[in-house]
Amino acid sequence: MAAELTAHELIAQHRPTLDQALEAIRTRAYWSPHPEHPKAYGENGSLDAAAGKAAFDALLGSRLDLGQPGTDDWVGGEVSPYGIELGITYPHADLDVLLPDMRAGQRAWRDAGAEVRALVCVEILKRIGDRTHEFAHAVMHTSGQAFMMAFQAGGPHAQDRGLEAVAYAYVEQVRTPDSAEWAKPQGKRPPLAMNKQFTPVPRGIALVIGCNTFPTWNGYPGLFASLATGNAVLVKPHPRAVLPLALTVRIAREVLGEAGFDPNLVALAAERPGEGIAKTLATRPEIRIIDYTGSTQFGDWLEANARQAQVYTEKAGVNTVIVESTDDYRGMLANLAFSLSLYSGQMCTTPQNLLIPRDGIRTDEGPRSFDDVVADLARAVDGLLGDDARANGLLGALVNPDVKARLDAAAGLGEVALASRRINNPEYPDAVVRTPVIVKLDGAKPDDEAAYTSECFGPVSFAVAVDSAAHAVDLLRRTVREKGAMTVGAYTADEEVERAVEEVCLEEAAQLSLNLTGGVYVNQTAAFSDFHGSGGNPAANAALCDGAFVANRFRIVEVRRDA
């Protein structure tokens, strides 16, 4: 890449990609410019598997100097869920120095216009994509995801979500023309004539508060939505998952500088152990936008206390699947087993509650009692994870001790239908790898209700016996309304039950997947087509990604003159 990037070069290189992204969000059809397969990398400047691993290894024990102002210390302390101490240190910022310097570059960035901003963002994403193998190791060793999941979800899927946000940001900004010639007839008198200019202007500095489990996938939508709409972006990573976002910031700063903009438009805010700077940052007057993924408790605090900012939160919910009947019993079991196992259930979209009629269900293999269904699902999970190598590739490692504590405690909540077991990882013997637990509960018992209506993040699922399909639908409605849900699933061959579940999800604003029995799972969403969250129930106040996610990150300022 040349030392300087001109607007002409950016348009020539990246306008076709932007146009394809715009078409994809219009049609909602499948599209991605980022290859999912590791073997697709290694040409045209991208790192292959060996080079990506070498680049990651070279970072271990190093100081990641971003060249940003106001650095008053070097901080670190990340330990991989696989047992490796990363030993990387990052700049700690004096906010009173850093934040004014971040604001200084916004004028030129604003004046560049929506197209140039979008194409600079596409260039940043391209360079991140070229280093997908390096990012995969960074995500794996901060989140505990297995390598292939870290490669795909932390790489191309995260990059897709970032590009999707850029496309939505561009659409919303160009909805209003740059200028207009306005003339109002006045009868016999000359018309009133004016020249009007309309400029999208940023709100200010945006704060991205990163999460431990999906630092890039959850971090990129807010980062790129804010940057593409003219805002400077301060990235505050989770203290256990700094590296993927620090690498992102470094690349963004490089591209901004080469394109003639102030690199300080993007900066990192790493913290000392136990410092807890998120609350301090979130309430500073310079911070005008906040993107957050994490616990409901802190998300609620942000919404209540960061009054000077536009706050976008993805918090937590109680995801539910109704199992009423099916025309493909084996496909249903296989699909659910994979959904419960992927990344040890450490996804905000993983099903927690399986609502099953206590009198059993109808299937293509004949009737199955409640106990039959739960036992068959347990066997499906056991079969999926019976080989330790395959299990390690699906489960990854538990991201922190809190997840293990919840898993251990779940066995005391009811009858255990599937006990969790330890999986040894020969490559990483210190990794904490556990299979899911399934616990039977009764939907009619108040004591059990307290368990299944609370989120239990991790590889824990509850098979809840309900009185009927109607009882399941009512319980679904109440759970989504009171606790929220990122996903809802249902298996039914009954059109009336299907309509009832769909109506609940429409009324309570929950994303629904029906009768999934193939290679698409309830806890996966595709950029440019699927909405992640709805913004309409307590699990999240925003969706990734729609017009509402980007439109309030900027305002239109009008300047008018007599013609």
Protein backbone atom coordinates (compact mmCIF):
# COMPACT_ATOMS: atom_id res chain seq x y z
CA MET A 1 0.00 0.00 0.00
CA ALA A 2 1.33 3.46 -0.89
CA ALA A 3 2.31 5.84 1.87
CA GLU A 4 -0.64 8.07 0.99
CA LEU A 5 -4.22 7.22 0.09
CA THR A 6 -6.04 9.72 -2.09
CA ALA A 7 -9.80 9.96 -2.46
CA HIS A 8 -9.42 8.82 -6.07
CA GLU A 9 -7.52 5.69 -5.00
CA LEU A 10 -10.06 4.90 -2.31
CA ILE A 11 -12.94 5.21 -4.77
CA ALA A 12 -11.21 3.06 -7.37
CA GLN A 13 -10.32 0.34 -4.88
CA HIS A 14 -13.34 0.20 -2.60
CA ARG A 15 -16.41 1.82 -4.17
CA PRO A 16 -17.43 -1.51 -5.78
CA THR A 17 -17.32 -3.22 -2.37
CA LEU A 18 -19.41 -0.46 -0.82
CA ASP A 19 -21.92 -0.70 -3.66
CA GLN A 20 -22.23 -4.45 -3.18
CA ALA A 21 -22.77 -3.94 0.55
CA LEU A 22 -25.50 -1.40 -0.19
CA GLU A 23 -27.19 -3.88 -2.51
CA ALA A 24 -26.89 -6.64 0.09
CA ILE A 25 -28.65 -4.67 2.83
CA ARG A 26 -31.35 -3.75 0.31
CA THR A 27 -32.05 -7.32 -0.84
CA ARG A 28 -31.07 -9.16 2.40
CA ALA A 29 -29.54 -11.87 0.17
CA TYR A 30 -26.36 -13.74 1.07
CA TRP A 31 -23.14 -11.87 0.36
CA SER A 32 -19.74 -11.53 1.96
CA PRO A 33 -16.43 -10.14 0.67
CA HIS A 34 -14.52 -11.88 3.46
CA PRO A 35 -13.61 -15.56 2.89
CA GLU A 36 -14.54 -17.98 5.69
CA HIS A 37 -11.98 -20.66 4.87
CA PRO A 38 -8.44 -20.33 6.28
CA LYS A 39 -6.88 -21.57 3.01
CA ALA A 40 -8.29 -18.54 1.16
CA TYR A 41 -5.57 -16.37 2.70
CA GLY A 42 -1.92 -15.96 1.80
CA GLU A 43 -2.10 -14.03 -1.47
CA ASN A 44 -2.33 -10.34 -2.37
CA GLY A 45 -0.65 -9.25 0.84
CA SER A 46 -2.76 -11.29 3.26
CA LEU A 47 -1.17 -13.48 5.93
CA ASP A 48 -1.44 -17.24 5.55
CA ALA A 49 -1.78 -19.58 8.52
CA ALA A 50 1.93 -19.79 9.33
CA ALA A 51 2.54 -16.05 8.92
CA GLY A 52 -0.52 -15.21 11.03
CA LYS A 53 0.60 -17.50 13.84
CA ALA A 54 4.11 -16.03 13.66
CA ALA A 55 2.71 -12.49 13.82
CA PHE A 56 0.68 -13.40 16.91
CA ASP A 57 3.64 -15.10 18.58
CA ALA A 58 5.76 -12.01 17.94
CA LEU A 59 3.28 -9.93 19.93
CA LEU A 60 3.61 -12.05 23.07
CA GLY A 61 5.61 -10.27 25.76
CA SER A 62 5.82 -7.07 23.70
CA ARG A 63 4.78 -3.45 24.18
CA LEU A 64 2.09 -2.45 21.68
CA ASP A 65 2.89 1.20 21.12
CA LEU A 66 0.09 2.93 19.20
CA GLY A 67 1.74 6.33 19.11
CA GLN A 68 -1.28 8.01 20.66
CA PRO A 69 -0.97 11.10 22.88
CA GLY A 70 -1.38 11.24 26.64
CA THR A 71 0.25 7.89 27.42
CA ASP A 72 1.15 7.95 31.13
CA ASP A 73 1.72 4.24 31.80
CA TRP A 74 1.83 0.78 30.24
CA VAL A 75 -0.72 -1.79 31.35
CA GLY A 76 -1.60 -5.40 30.61
CA GLY A 77 -2.21 -8.71 32.30
CA GLU A 78 -4.20 -10.79 29.81
CA VAL A 79 -4.12 -14.54 30.44
CA SER A 80 -5.53 -16.81 27.76
CA PRO A 81 -8.38 -19.12 28.78
CA TYR A 82 -6.05 -21.75 27.32
CA GLY A 83 -3.48 -20.99 30.02
CA ILE A 84 -0.99 -18.74 28.18
CA GLU A 85 0.11 -15.43 29.71
CA LEU A 86 0.14 -12.99 26.81
CA GLY A 87 2.49 -10.56 28.53
CA ILE A 88 1.52 -7.71 26.20
CA THR A 89 1.36 -4.15 27.52
CA TYR A 90 -0.75 -1.33 26.11
CA PRO A 91 -0.77 2.46 26.50
CA HIS A 92 -2.68 3.81 29.47
CA ALA A 93 -4.16 7.20 28.64
CA ASP A 94 -4.34 10.47 30.50
CA LEU A 95 -7.86 11.31 29.35
CA ASP A 96 -7.40 15.03 29.84
CA VAL A 97 -4.70 14.89 27.17
CA LEU A 98 -6.09 12.23 24.86
CA LEU A 99 -9.72 13.35 24.52
CA PRO A 100 -8.98 16.93 23.35
CA ASP A 101 -6.56 15.56 20.76
CA MET A 102 -9.22 13.14 19.53
CA ARG A 103 -11.69 15.98 19.04
CA ALA A 104 -9.15 18.04 17.11
CA GLY A 105 -9.32 15.77 14.05
CA GLN A 106 -13.11 15.69 13.73
CA ARG A 107 -13.45 18.83 11.60
CA ALA A 108 -11.42 17.49 8.67
CA TRP A 109 -13.07 14.08 9.05
CA ARG A 110 -16.53 15.72 8.99
CA ASP A 111 -15.67 17.79 5.93
CA ALA A 112 -14.42 14.76 4.00
CA GLY A 113 -18.01 13.67 3.43
CA ALA A 114 -19.89 10.42 3.76
CA GLU A 115 -18.33 8.64 0.78
CA VAL A 116 -14.71 9.22 1.72
CA ARG A 117 -15.39 8.28 5.33
CA ALA A 118 -17.08 5.05 4.23
CA LEU A 119 -14.23 4.12 1.90
CA VAL A 120 -11.57 4.80 4.52
CA CYS A 121 -13.51 2.44 6.79
CA VAL A 122 -13.58 -0.18 4.02
CA GLU A 123 -9.80 0.12 3.70
CA ILE A 124 -9.42 -0.40 7.46
CA LEU A 125 -11.57 -3.50 7.24
CA LYS A 126 -9.60 -4.79 4.26
CA ARG A 127 -6.33 -4.53 6.16
CA ILE A 128 -7.88 -6.25 9.15
CA GLY A 129 -9.09 -8.95 6.77
CA ASP A 130 -5.60 -9.43 5.36
CA ARG A 131 -4.48 -10.30 8.90
CA THR A 132 -7.39 -12.60 9.74
CA HIS A 133 -5.09 -15.45 10.79
CA GLU A 134 -3.33 -13.17 13.27
CA PHE A 135 -6.65 -11.88 14.60
CA ALA A 136 -7.93 -15.45 14.94
CA HIS A 137 -5.19 -16.28 17.43
CA ALA A 138 -5.76 -12.98 19.23
CA VAL A 139 -9.47 -13.70 19.59
CA MET A 140 -8.91 -17.34 20.53
CA HIS A 141 -6.49 -16.49 23.32
CA THR A 142 -8.61 -13.73 24.81
CA SER A 143 -12.11 -15.19 24.43
CA GLY A 144 -11.55 -18.93 24.76
CA GLN A 145 -13.19 -19.64 21.41
CA ALA A 146 -11.83 -22.66 19.58
CA PHE A 147 -9.55 -21.68 16.70
CA MET A 148 -11.98 -22.20 13.83
CA MET A 149 -14.72 -20.26 15.56
CA ALA A 150 -12.26 -17.51 16.48
CA PHE A 151 -11.13 -17.44 12.85
CA GLN A 152 -14.64 -17.14 11.44
CA ALA A 153 -16.60 -15.23 14.08
CA GLY A 154 -13.65 -13.07 15.11
CA GLY A 155 -12.52 -12.59 11.51
CA PRO A 156 -14.76 -12.55 8.42
CA HIS A 157 -18.06 -12.51 10.31
CA ALA A 158 -16.91 -9.57 12.46
CA GLN A 159 -15.59 -7.79 9.39
CA ASP A 160 -18.95 -8.35 7.68
CA ARG A 161 -20.73 -6.76 10.63
CA GLY A 162 -18.38 -3.78 10.48
CA LEU A 163 -18.96 -3.33 6.75
CA GLU A 164 -22.70 -3.69 7.25
CA ALA A 165 -22.60 -0.80 9.73
CA VAL A 166 -20.63 1.30 7.23
CA ALA A 167 -23.25 0.63 4.55
CA TYR A 168 -26.13 1.63 6.82
CA ALA A 169 -24.23 4.73 7.93
CA TYR A 170 -23.67 5.76 4.32
CA VAL A 171 -27.33 5.25 3.38
CA GLU A 172 -28.58 7.37 6.25
CA GLN A 173 -26.14 10.22 5.58
CA VAL A 174 -26.83 10.50 1.85
CA ARG A 175 -30.60 10.32 2.34
CA THR A 176 -30.47 14.13 2.56
CA PRO A 177 -28.89 15.92 -0.43
CA ASP A 178 -25.78 18.05 0.07
CA SER A 179 -27.59 21.12 -1.25
CA ALA A 180 -30.87 22.34 -2.64
CA GLU A 181 -32.10 25.30 -4.67
CA TRP A 182 -35.34 26.42 -3.02
CA ALA A 183 -37.88 28.76 -4.61
CA LYS A 184 -41.31 29.68 -3.27
CA PRO A 185 -43.70 31.39 -5.72
CA GLN A 186 -45.06 34.77 -4.60
CA GLY A 187 -47.70 35.46 -7.25
CA LYS A 188 -46.86 38.61 -9.18
CA ARG A 189 -43.82 39.25 -7.02
CA PRO A 190 -40.45 37.56 -7.59
CA PRO A 191 -40.22 34.16 -5.89
CA LEU A 192 -38.43 33.73 -2.62
CA ALA A 193 -35.23 31.95 -3.54
CA MET A 194 -32.62 30.38 -1.29
CA ASN A 195 -29.58 28.17 -1.50
CA LYS A 196 -29.57 25.52 1.21
CA GLN A 197 -26.70 23.31 2.33
CA PHE A 198 -27.10 20.19 4.46
CA THR A 199 -24.15 18.69 6.30
CA PRO A 200 -24.08 15.54 8.46
CA VAL A 201 -22.20 16.49 11.62
CA PRO A 202 -20.91 14.09 14.27
CA ARG A 203 -22.17 14.03 17.83
CA GLY A 204 -18.68 13.94 19.31
CA ILE A 205 -16.44 11.21 20.67
CA ALA A 206 -17.91 7.71 20.63
CA LEU A 207 -16.99 5.15 23.27
CA VAL A 208 -16.93 1.43 22.48
CA ILE A 209 -16.95 -0.71 25.63
CA GLY A 210 -15.74 -4.11 24.50
CA CYS A 211 -16.79 -7.53 25.75
CA ASN A 212 -14.73 -10.57 26.69
CA THR A 213 -16.44 -13.20 24.54
CA PHE A 214 -16.72 -11.52 21.11
CA PRO A 215 -14.38 -8.51 21.14
CA THR A 216 -14.43 -7.94 17.36
CA TRP A 217 -17.87 -9.29 16.39
CA ASN A 218 -19.62 -7.17 18.99
CA GLY A 219 -17.14 -4.28 18.85
CA TYR A 220 -16.99 -3.58 15.12
CA PRO A 221 -20.60 -2.50 14.47
CA GLY A 222 -20.48 0.42 16.91
CA LEU A 223 -16.89 1.33 16.07
CA PHE A 224 -17.47 1.56 12.33
CA ALA A 225 -20.97 3.06 12.59
CA SER A 226 -19.58 5.93 14.66
CA LEU A 227 -16.43 6.41 12.59
CA ALA A 228 -18.32 6.37 9.28
CA THR A 229 -20.71 9.07 10.58
CA GLY A 230 -17.85 11.42 11.41
CA ASN A 231 -17.21 10.72 15.07
CA ALA A 232 -13.89 10.02 16.75
CA VAL A 233 -13.92 6.63 18.49
CA LEU A 234 -12.34 5.69 21.81
CA VAL A 235 -12.13 1.91 22.28
CA LYS A 236 -12.23 0.63 25.87
CA PRO A 237 -11.60 -3.13 25.64
CA HIS A 238 -12.53 -5.67 28.25
CA PRO A 239 -9.40 -6.08 30.41
CA ARG A 240 -9.26 -9.79 29.56
CA ALA A 241 -9.65 -9.19 25.81
CA VAL A 242 -7.55 -6.16 24.87
CA LEU A 243 -5.42 -7.53 22.04
CA PRO A 244 -7.98 -7.93 19.20
CA LEU A 245 -9.27 -4.38 19.64
CA ALA A 246 -5.78 -2.94 20.19
CA LEU A 247 -4.72 -4.43 16.84
CA THR A 248 -7.86 -2.95 15.30
CA VAL A 249 -7.03 0.49 16.68
CA ARG A 250 -3.46 0.27 15.39
CA ILE A 251 -4.62 -0.56 11.87
CA ALA A 252 -7.28 2.17 11.93
CA ARG A 253 -4.72 4.76 13.00
CA GLU A 254 -2.37 3.69 10.20
CA VAL A 255 -5.05 3.99 7.54
CA LEU A 256 -6.36 7.32 8.81
CA GLY A 257 -2.85 8.77 8.74
CA GLU A 258 -2.17 7.50 5.22
CA ALA A 259 -5.48 8.96 4.03
CA GLY A 260 -4.49 12.40 5.36
CA PHE A 261 -6.58 12.40 8.52
CA ASP A 262 -5.65 12.64 12.17
CA PRO A 263 -4.83 9.15 13.50
CA ASN A 264 -6.17 10.26 16.88
CA LEU A 265 -9.69 9.87 15.49
CA VAL A 266 -9.34 6.32 16.82
CA ALA A 267 -7.64 5.56 20.12
CA LEU A 268 -7.39 2.88 22.79
CA ALA A 269 -8.27 3.20 26.48
CA ALA A 270 -6.66 0.23 28.22
CA GLU A 271 -6.91 0.09 32.00
CA ARG A 272 -4.89 -0.99 34.98
CA PRO A 273 -6.02 -4.16 36.79
CA GLY A 274 -9.11 -3.32 38.82
CA GLU A 275 -9.20 0.29 37.63
CA GLY A 276 -12.71 0.05 36.19
CA ILE A 277 -12.57 3.13 33.96
CA ALA A 278 -15.80 2.39 32.04
CA LYS A 279 -18.00 4.40 34.42
CA THR A 280 -15.55 7.31 34.42
CA LEU A 281 -15.39 7.38 30.63
CA ALA A 282 -19.12 6.88 30.14
CA THR A 283 -20.05 10.00 32.08
CA ARG A 284 -17.42 12.39 30.72
CA PRO A 285 -19.00 15.27 28.79
CA GLU A 286 -16.82 14.62 25.73
CA ILE A 287 -18.38 11.16 25.26
CA ARG A 288 -21.53 11.55 23.18
CA ILE A 289 -22.11 7.99 21.94
CA ILE A 290 -21.66 4.69 23.81
CA ASP A 291 -21.76 1.15 22.44
CA TYR A 292 -21.81 -1.59 25.05
CA THR A 293 -22.10 -5.38 25.10
CA GLY A 294 -22.21 -7.16 28.44
CA SER A 295 -24.18 -7.65 31.62
CA THR A 296 -27.68 -6.31 32.12
CA GLN A 297 -26.65 -4.65 35.37
CA PHE A 298 -24.01 -2.42 33.80
CA GLY A 299 -26.05 -1.87 30.65
CA ASP A 300 -28.94 -0.60 32.77
CA TRP A 301 -26.49 1.65 34.66
CA LEU A 302 -25.24 3.15 31.39
CA GLU A 303 -28.76 3.81 30.14
CA ALA A 304 -29.65 5.53 33.43
CA ASN A 305 -26.47 7.48 34.07
CA ALA A 306 -24.71 8.33 30.79
CA ARG A 307 -27.29 11.02 30.15
CA GLN A 308 -25.05 13.13 27.90
CA ALA A 309 -24.61 10.25 25.43
CA GLN A 310 -26.63 8.28 22.96
CA VAL A 311 -26.34 4.77 24.45
CA TYR A 312 -26.60 1.54 22.46
CA THR A 313 -26.65 -1.62 24.58
CA GLU A 314 -26.68 -5.34 23.99
CA LYS A 315 -27.24 -6.84 27.42
CA ALA A 316 -28.60 -10.23 28.35
CA GLY A 317 -31.80 -12.18 28.00
CA VAL A 318 -33.35 -15.58 28.55
CA ASN A 319 -33.42 -17.30 25.19
CA THR A 320 -36.21 -19.82 24.72
CA VAL A 321 -37.02 -22.68 22.37
CA ILE A 322 -40.51 -24.19 22.29
CA VAL A 323 -40.50 -27.88 21.34
CA GLU A 324 -44.11 -28.76 20.50
CA SER A 325 -43.86 -31.16 17.55
CA THR A 326 -41.60 -31.86 14.59
CA ASP A 327 -41.53 -33.52 11.20
CA ASP A 328 -37.77 -34.17 11.51
CA TYR A 329 -37.03 -35.43 15.01
CA ARG A 330 -33.40 -36.44 14.35
CA GLY A 331 -32.68 -33.17 12.56
CA MET A 332 -34.18 -31.23 15.45
CA LEU A 333 -32.08 -33.07 18.03
CA ALA A 334 -28.88 -32.60 16.03
CA ASN A 335 -29.57 -28.92 15.50
CA LEU A 336 -30.33 -28.29 19.17
CA ALA A 337 -27.32 -30.30 20.33
CA PHE A 338 -25.00 -28.17 18.21
CA SER A 339 -26.68 -24.95 19.35
CA LEU A 340 -26.26 -25.87 23.02
CA SER A 341 -22.63 -26.92 22.58
CA LEU A 342 -21.13 -24.23 20.34
CA TYR A 343 -18.55 -22.18 22.28
CA SER A 344 -19.74 -23.80 25.51
CA GLY A 345 -22.97 -21.82 25.34
CA GLN A 346 -21.05 -18.56 25.88
CA MET A 347 -23.08 -16.67 23.32
CA CYS A 348 -25.83 -14.16 23.97
CA THR A 349 -27.90 -16.08 21.43
CA THR A 350 -27.55 -19.61 22.88
CA PRO A 351 -30.86 -21.24 23.90
CA GLN A 352 -31.32 -21.58 27.65
CA ASN A 353 -34.90 -22.74 28.18
CA LEU A 354 -36.40 -25.64 26.23
CA LEU A 355 -40.16 -25.61 26.82
CA ILE A 356 -41.54 -29.12 26.24
CA PRO A 357 -45.10 -30.31 26.98
CA ARG A 358 -45.11 -32.68 29.93
CA ASP A 359 -47.39 -35.03 27.96
CA GLY A 360 -44.81 -35.27 25.20
CA ILE A 361 -44.63 -34.28 21.54
CA ARG A 362 -45.61 -35.62 18.12
CA THR A 363 -42.76 -36.52 15.78
CA ASP A 364 -42.16 -38.24 12.46
CA GLU A 365 -40.93 -41.20 14.53
CA GLY A 366 -44.08 -41.38 16.63
CA PRO A 367 -44.96 -39.81 19.99
CA ARG A 368 -42.15 -38.98 22.41
CA SER A 369 -42.71 -38.29 26.09
CA PHE A 370 -41.11 -35.34 27.87
CA ASP A 371 -38.52 -37.69 29.38
CA ASP A 372 -37.88 -39.28 25.98
CA VAL A 373 -37.21 -35.92 24.33
CA VAL A 374 -34.83 -34.80 27.06
CA ALA A 375 -33.01 -38.14 27.12
CA ASP A 376 -32.72 -38.18 23.32
CA LEU A 377 -31.34 -34.63 23.34
CA ALA A 378 -28.83 -35.61 26.02
CA ARG A 379 -27.71 -38.53 23.85
CA ALA A 380 -27.41 -36.21 20.84
CA VAL A 381 -25.14 -33.86 22.79
CA ASP A 382 -23.11 -36.82 24.07
CA GLY A 383 -22.78 -38.16 20.54
CA LEU A 384 -21.71 -34.79 19.18
CA LEU A 385 -19.08 -34.33 21.88
CA GLY A 386 -18.06 -37.96 22.40
CA ASP A 387 -14.75 -37.51 20.60
CA ASP A 388 -12.49 -35.21 22.64
CA ALA A 389 -10.82 -33.65 19.61
CA ARG A 390 -14.18 -32.77 18.08
CA ALA A 391 -15.42 -31.56 21.47
CA ASN A 392 -12.47 -29.21 21.88
CA GLY A 393 -13.09 -27.81 18.42
CA LEU A 394 -16.73 -27.02 19.25
CA LEU A 395 -16.57 -26.06 22.92
CA GLY A 396 -13.45 -23.94 23.15
CA ALA A 397 -12.60 -23.02 26.75
CA LEU A 398 -14.64 -21.42 29.52
CA VAL A 399 -13.87 -17.72 29.32
CA ASN A 400 -13.70 -17.00 33.05
CA PRO A 401 -14.25 -18.60 36.48
CA ASP A 402 -17.75 -17.11 36.79
CA VAL A 403 -18.98 -19.31 33.95
CA LYS A 404 -17.57 -22.41 35.61
CA ALA A 405 -19.18 -21.44 38.91
CA ARG A 406 -22.61 -21.15 37.25
CA LEU A 407 -22.09 -24.47 35.51
CA ASP A 408 -21.16 -26.18 38.77
CA ALA A 409 -24.13 -24.68 40.61
CA ALA A 410 -26.67 -25.62 37.91
CA ALA A 411 -26.59 -29.29 38.88
CA GLY A 412 -28.21 -28.37 42.20
CA LEU A 413 -31.20 -26.66 40.63
CA GLY A 414 -33.11 -29.77 39.53
CA GLU A 415 -32.83 -33.26 38.11
CA VAL A 416 -29.75 -33.54 35.91
CA ALA A 417 -30.60 -35.06 32.54
CA LEU A 418 -27.12 -34.56 31.14
CA ALA A 419 -24.16 -34.09 33.46
CA SER A 420 -21.28 -31.86 32.42
CA ARG A 421 -17.96 -33.57 32.03
CA ARG A 422 -14.40 -32.35 31.76
CA ILE A 423 -12.64 -32.50 28.40
CA ASN A 424 -8.83 -32.57 28.30
CA ASN A 425 -7.13 -30.38 25.73
CA PRO A 426 -3.75 -31.99 24.98
CA GLU A 427 -2.39 -28.83 23.31
CA TYR A 428 -3.48 -26.57 26.17
CA PRO A 429 -3.61 -28.66 29.36
CA ASP A 430 -4.57 -25.66 31.52
CA ALA A 431 -7.70 -24.90 29.49
CA VAL A 432 -10.99 -25.35 31.35
CA VAL A 433 -13.19 -27.25 28.90
CA ARG A 434 -16.60 -28.57 29.95
CA THR A 435 -19.53 -30.13 28.13
CA PRO A 436 -23.05 -28.68 28.63
CA VAL A 437 -25.38 -29.60 31.46
CA ILE A 438 -29.12 -30.09 30.92
CA VAL A 439 -31.34 -29.80 33.99
CA LYS A 440 -35.01 -30.78 34.16
CA LEU A 441 -37.37 -28.24 35.72
CA ASP A 442 -41.14 -27.95 36.09
CA GLY A 443 -42.78 -24.90 34.57
CA ALA A 444 -45.61 -25.09 37.12
CA LYS A 445 -43.38 -24.89 40.21
CA PRO A 446 -42.54 -21.39 41.55
CA ASP A 447 -39.19 -22.55 42.91
CA ASP A 448 -38.15 -23.82 39.48
CA GLU A 449 -39.39 -20.64 37.81
CA ALA A 450 -36.83 -18.59 39.70
CA ALA A 451 -34.10 -20.67 38.07
CA TYR A 452 -35.24 -20.73 34.46
CA THR A 453 -36.35 -17.09 34.33
CA SER A 454 -32.86 -15.89 35.29
CA GLU A 455 -30.07 -15.84 32.74
CA CYS A 456 -27.45 -18.52 33.36
CA PHE A 457 -24.73 -17.56 30.89
CA GLY A 458 -22.65 -20.54 29.83
CA PRO A 459 -23.17 -24.23 28.98
CA VAL A 460 -26.37 -24.55 31.02
CA SER A 461 -29.80 -25.39 29.63
CA PHE A 462 -33.11 -26.11 31.32
CA ALA A 463 -35.63 -28.62 29.95
CA VAL A 464 -38.85 -27.15 31.32
CA ALA A 465 -41.99 -29.26 31.47
CA VAL A 466 -45.05 -27.20 30.52
CA ASP A 467 -48.74 -28.08 30.62
CA SER A 468 -49.47 -27.47 26.95
CA ALA A 469 -48.44 -25.53 23.86
CA ALA A 470 -50.58 -22.65 25.09
CA HIS A 471 -48.74 -22.70 28.41
CA ALA A 472 -45.43 -22.64 26.54
CA VAL A 473 -46.53 -19.66 24.45
CA ASP A 474 -47.72 -17.76 27.52
CA LEU A 475 -44.46 -18.49 29.32
CA LEU A 476 -42.50 -17.38 26.27
CA ARG A 477 -44.40 -14.09 26.16
CA ARG A 478 -43.82 -13.37 29.84
CA THR A 479 -40.13 -14.29 29.68
CA VAL A 480 -39.41 -12.08 26.68
CA ARG A 481 -41.40 -9.17 28.10
CA GLU A 482 -39.81 -9.29 31.54
CA LYS A 483 -36.32 -10.63 30.87
CA GLY A 484 -35.75 -10.11 27.17
CA ALA A 485 -34.42 -12.50 24.56
CA MET A 486 -31.84 -12.20 21.82
CA THR A 487 -33.26 -15.30 20.12
CA VAL A 488 -36.41 -17.41 20.15
CA GLY A 489 -36.77 -20.80 18.52
CA ALA A 490 -39.72 -23.09 17.97
CA TYR A 491 -40.31 -26.58 16.64
CA THR A 492 -43.88 -27.25 15.63
CA ALA A 493 -45.77 -28.97 12.84
CA ASP A 494 -48.98 -27.27 13.96
CA GLU A 495 -49.90 -24.15 12.00
CA GLU A 496 -51.88 -22.66 14.89
CA VAL A 497 -48.97 -23.06 17.30
CA GLU A 498 -46.61 -21.57 14.74
CA ARG A 499 -48.88 -18.55 14.30
CA ALA A 500 -49.18 -18.12 18.07
CA VAL A 501 -45.41 -18.17 18.57
CA GLU A 502 -44.87 -15.78 15.67
CA GLU A 503 -47.46 -13.37 17.08
CA VAL A 504 -45.74 -13.33 20.47
CA CYS A 505 -42.41 -12.54 18.81
CA LEU A 506 -43.96 -9.77 16.73
CA GLU A 507 -45.67 -8.23 19.75
CA GLU A 508 -42.65 -8.56 22.05
CA ALA A 509 -40.04 -7.76 19.37
CA ALA A 510 -37.99 -10.96 19.50
CA GLN A 511 -36.13 -12.54 16.58
CA LEU A 512 -37.62 -15.96 15.76
CA SER A 513 -36.20 -19.08 14.09
CA LEU A 514 -38.67 -21.82 13.16
CA ASN A 515 -38.02 -25.54 12.69
CA LEU A 516 -34.26 -25.37 12.12
CA THR A 517 -33.03 -28.87 11.34
CA GLY A 518 -30.10 -28.28 8.98
CA GLY A 519 -26.85 -26.33 9.03
CA VAL A 520 -28.28 -23.01 10.26
CA TYR A 521 -28.60 -22.59 14.02
CA VAL A 522 -30.66 -20.32 16.24
CA ASN A 523 -27.55 -18.80 17.81
CA GLN A 524 -26.00 -17.71 14.51
CA THR A 525 -26.86 -14.62 12.47
CA ALA A 526 -25.57 -13.52 9.07
CA ALA A 527 -24.53 -9.94 8.41
CA PHE A 528 -26.37 -8.04 5.67
CA SER A 529 -29.38 -10.33 6.11
CA ASP A 530 -30.18 -11.24 9.73
CA PHE A 531 -30.84 -8.74 12.51
CA HIS A 532 -28.97 -9.46 15.74
CA GLY A 533 -31.32 -8.40 18.51
CA SER A 534 -34.28 -6.16 17.85
CA GLY A 535 -33.91 -3.25 20.24
CA GLY A 536 -37.50 -3.87 21.25
CA ASN A 537 -37.21 -6.04 24.36
CA PRO A 538 -35.09 -5.84 27.54
CA ALA A 539 -32.19 -7.86 26.09
CA ALA A 540 -30.98 -4.96 23.94
CA ASN A 541 -31.99 -1.42 23.07
CA ALA A 542 -30.47 -1.67 19.57
CA ALA A 543 -30.28 -4.08 16.65
CA LEU A 544 -27.20 -5.01 14.67
CA CYS A 545 -27.67 -3.55 12.23
CA ASP A 546 -30.47 -1.29 11.05
CA GLY A 547 -31.04 2.36 10.23
CA ALA A 548 -31.85 3.20 13.84
CA PHE A 549 -28.42 1.90 14.87
CA VAL A 550 -26.62 4.56 12.83
CA ALA A 551 -29.01 7.46 12.21
CA ASN A 552 -28.70 9.09 15.63
CA ARG A 553 -24.90 9.08 15.59
CA PHE A 554 -24.99 12.28 13.53
CA ARG A 555 -27.28 15.24 12.98
CA ILE A 556 -27.99 17.27 9.86
CA VAL A 557 -27.05 20.94 10.12
CA GLU A 558 -28.51 23.32 7.55
CA VAL A 559 -26.96 26.53 6.28
CA ARG A 560 -29.23 28.67 4.09
CA ARG A 561 -28.59 31.85 2.13
CA ASP A 562 -30.59 34.10 -0.10
CA ALA A 563 -30.05 33.10 -3.70
